[in-house]
């Protein structure tokens, strides 16, 4: 995860350290939460992107809408999001989940509708107006 965190810093930390910290926290919860079966469900396979010779897993992640909104709001002013033309919290997270497929070996789709899982991905996100220091959450 250290490499992935460094990539998040490279893309987001210059424009918005809060965004980078919130994304690190979210991906840590996604990957390491012992109750991830409550918010993740496998939805089959998809053909791989160019350069891969095996199918990728489709993963649906149910995320709390307020949490998704706070993470997106902390990131929406970054040059990366502006260049991508993303205009919603779920759109932003799905953009990350699709573009990160070569690293995670899966296509991650986010939804705020809790129909396939008993719970939500939900954690603390820092609002934009809070100052960030180098020790925020240990990232």
Protein backbone atom coordinates (compact mmCIF):
# COMPACT_ATOMS: atom_id res chain seq x y z
CA UNK A 1 0.00 0.00 0.00
CA UNK A 2 2.99 2.30 0.44
CA UNK A 3 3.43 2.49 -3.34
CA UNK A 4 -0.26 3.17 -3.86
CA UNK A 5 -0.21 5.88 -1.20
CA UNK A 6 2.79 7.50 -2.87
CA UNK A 7 0.83 7.52 -6.14
CA UNK A 8 -2.14 9.18 -4.41
CA UNK A 9 0.20 11.83 -3.02
CA UNK A 10 1.70 12.37 -6.46
CA UNK A 11 -1.72 12.99 -8.01
CA UNK A 12 -3.68 14.70 -5.23
CA UNK A 13 -1.49 16.00 -2.38
CA UNK A 14 -0.15 19.09 -4.15
CA UNK A 15 -3.64 20.42 -4.95
CA UNK A 16 -5.37 19.08 -1.83
CA UNK A 17 -3.59 17.30 1.02
CA UNK A 18 -7.03 16.69 2.59
CA UNK A 19 -8.10 14.82 -0.55
CA UNK A 20 -4.99 12.63 -0.47
CA UNK A 21 -5.50 11.84 3.23
CA UNK A 22 -9.19 11.03 2.73
CA UNK A 23 -8.45 8.74 -0.22
CA UNK A 24 -5.73 6.91 1.72
CA UNK A 25 -8.14 6.36 4.59
CA UNK A 26 -10.90 5.17 2.24
CA UNK A 27 -8.66 2.68 0.38
CA UNK A 28 -7.24 1.44 3.69
CA UNK A 29 -10.80 0.78 4.91
CA UNK A 30 -11.63 -0.90 1.59
CA UNK A 31 -8.62 -3.20 1.72
CA UNK A 32 -8.22 -3.90 5.42
CA UNK A 33 -11.60 -3.61 7.11
CA UNK A 34 -12.34 -6.99 8.75
CA UNK A 35 -16.05 -6.49 7.97
CA UNK A 36 -15.61 -5.81 4.26
CA UNK A 37 -18.05 -8.61 3.42
CA UNK A 38 -20.68 -6.18 4.72
CA UNK A 39 -20.00 -3.72 1.88
CA UNK A 40 -18.27 -5.68 -0.92
CA UNK A 41 -19.76 -8.22 -3.31
CA UNK A 42 -18.21 -9.91 -6.34
CA UNK A 43 -20.22 -9.33 -9.52
CA UNK A 44 -18.57 -11.68 -12.00
CA UNK A 45 -15.65 -11.11 -14.35
CA UNK A 46 -14.74 -8.70 -17.15
CA UNK A 47 -12.25 -8.97 -19.99
CA UNK A 48 -8.86 -7.60 -18.98
CA UNK A 49 -7.40 -4.29 -20.10
CA UNK A 50 -4.64 -4.44 -22.76
CA UNK A 51 -1.51 -6.18 -21.56
CA UNK A 52 -3.24 -8.67 -19.25
CA UNK A 53 -4.15 -12.23 -20.20
CA UNK A 54 -6.75 -13.04 -17.53
CA UNK A 55 -10.19 -11.73 -16.66
CA UNK A 56 -10.58 -9.12 -13.94
CA UNK A 57 -13.03 -9.47 -11.06
CA UNK A 58 -15.90 -6.98 -10.85
CA UNK A 59 -16.36 -5.76 -7.28
CA UNK A 60 -19.36 -3.74 -6.17
CA UNK A 61 -18.75 -1.55 -3.13
CA UNK A 62 -21.66 -0.03 -1.25
CA UNK A 63 -20.55 3.28 0.27
CA UNK A 64 -22.31 5.60 2.69
CA UNK A 65 -23.54 8.58 0.65
CA UNK A 66 -22.46 11.25 3.17
CA UNK A 67 -18.99 9.68 3.42
CA UNK A 68 -18.67 9.49 -0.39
CA UNK A 69 -19.77 13.11 -0.67
CA UNK A 70 -17.22 14.33 1.89
CA UNK A 71 -14.39 12.45 0.16
CA UNK A 72 -15.44 13.81 -3.24
CA UNK A 73 -15.87 17.36 -1.94
CA UNK A 74 -12.33 17.27 -0.56
CA UNK A 75 -11.05 16.27 -4.01
CA UNK A 76 -13.28 18.01 -6.55
CA UNK A 77 -11.13 21.13 -6.85
CA UNK A 78 -8.00 19.19 -7.81
CA UNK A 79 -6.65 19.59 -11.31
CA UNK A 80 -6.91 15.80 -11.81
CA UNK A 81 -10.69 15.79 -11.22
CA UNK A 82 -11.19 18.88 -13.34
CA UNK A 83 -9.29 17.27 -16.23
CA UNK A 84 -11.29 14.04 -15.90
CA UNK A 85 -14.62 15.92 -16.02
CA UNK A 86 -16.03 14.03 -13.03
CA UNK A 87 -19.01 15.76 -11.41
CA UNK A 88 -20.39 13.44 -8.70
CA UNK A 89 -19.15 11.50 -5.69
CA UNK A 90 -19.99 8.07 -7.12
CA UNK A 91 -18.70 9.11 -10.55
CA UNK A 92 -15.38 10.09 -8.98
CA UNK A 93 -15.04 6.86 -7.02
CA UNK A 94 -16.01 4.76 -10.05
CA UNK A 95 -13.43 6.66 -12.11
CA UNK A 96 -10.78 5.69 -9.53
CA UNK A 97 -12.06 2.10 -9.34
CA UNK A 98 -11.89 1.67 -13.11
CA UNK A 99 -8.57 3.43 -13.67
CA UNK A 100 -6.97 1.56 -10.79
CA UNK A 101 -7.87 -1.84 -12.25
CA UNK A 102 -4.35 -2.63 -13.49
CA UNK A 103 -3.12 -2.24 -9.90
CA UNK A 104 -5.95 -3.98 -8.05
CA UNK A 105 -6.61 -6.57 -10.79
CA UNK A 106 -10.30 -5.79 -10.41
CA UNK A 107 -12.85 -3.25 -11.58
CA UNK A 108 -14.29 -1.56 -8.50
CA UNK A 109 -17.77 -0.08 -8.87
CA UNK A 110 -19.23 2.09 -6.11
CA UNK A 111 -22.92 2.48 -5.32
CA UNK A 112 -24.83 4.27 -2.59
CA UNK A 113 -27.77 1.88 -2.92
CA UNK A 114 -27.65 -0.91 -0.38
CA UNK A 115 -29.35 -3.76 -2.24
CA UNK A 116 -26.63 -6.44 -2.41
CA UNK A 117 -24.80 -5.93 0.89
CA UNK A 118 -25.86 -5.65 4.54
CA UNK A 119 -23.75 -2.54 5.21
CA UNK A 120 -21.74 0.36 3.81
CA UNK A 121 -18.14 1.40 3.49
CA UNK A 122 -18.11 4.23 5.99
CA UNK A 123 -15.30 5.96 7.81
CA UNK A 124 -14.20 9.37 8.93
CA UNK A 125 -13.41 11.90 6.21
CA UNK A 126 -11.82 15.25 6.97
CA UNK A 127 -13.69 18.30 5.66
CA UNK A 128 -11.90 20.69 3.33
CA UNK A 129 -11.53 23.53 5.81
CA UNK A 130 -9.43 21.49 8.26
CA UNK A 131 -5.68 21.92 8.11
CA UNK A 132 -3.55 18.92 7.24
CA UNK A 133 -0.23 18.13 8.82
CA UNK A 134 2.27 15.39 8.02
CA UNK A 135 0.90 13.11 10.72
CA UNK A 136 -2.79 13.09 9.73
CA UNK A 137 -3.96 9.53 10.46
CA UNK A 138 -0.37 8.33 10.16
CA UNK A 139 -0.32 8.58 6.35
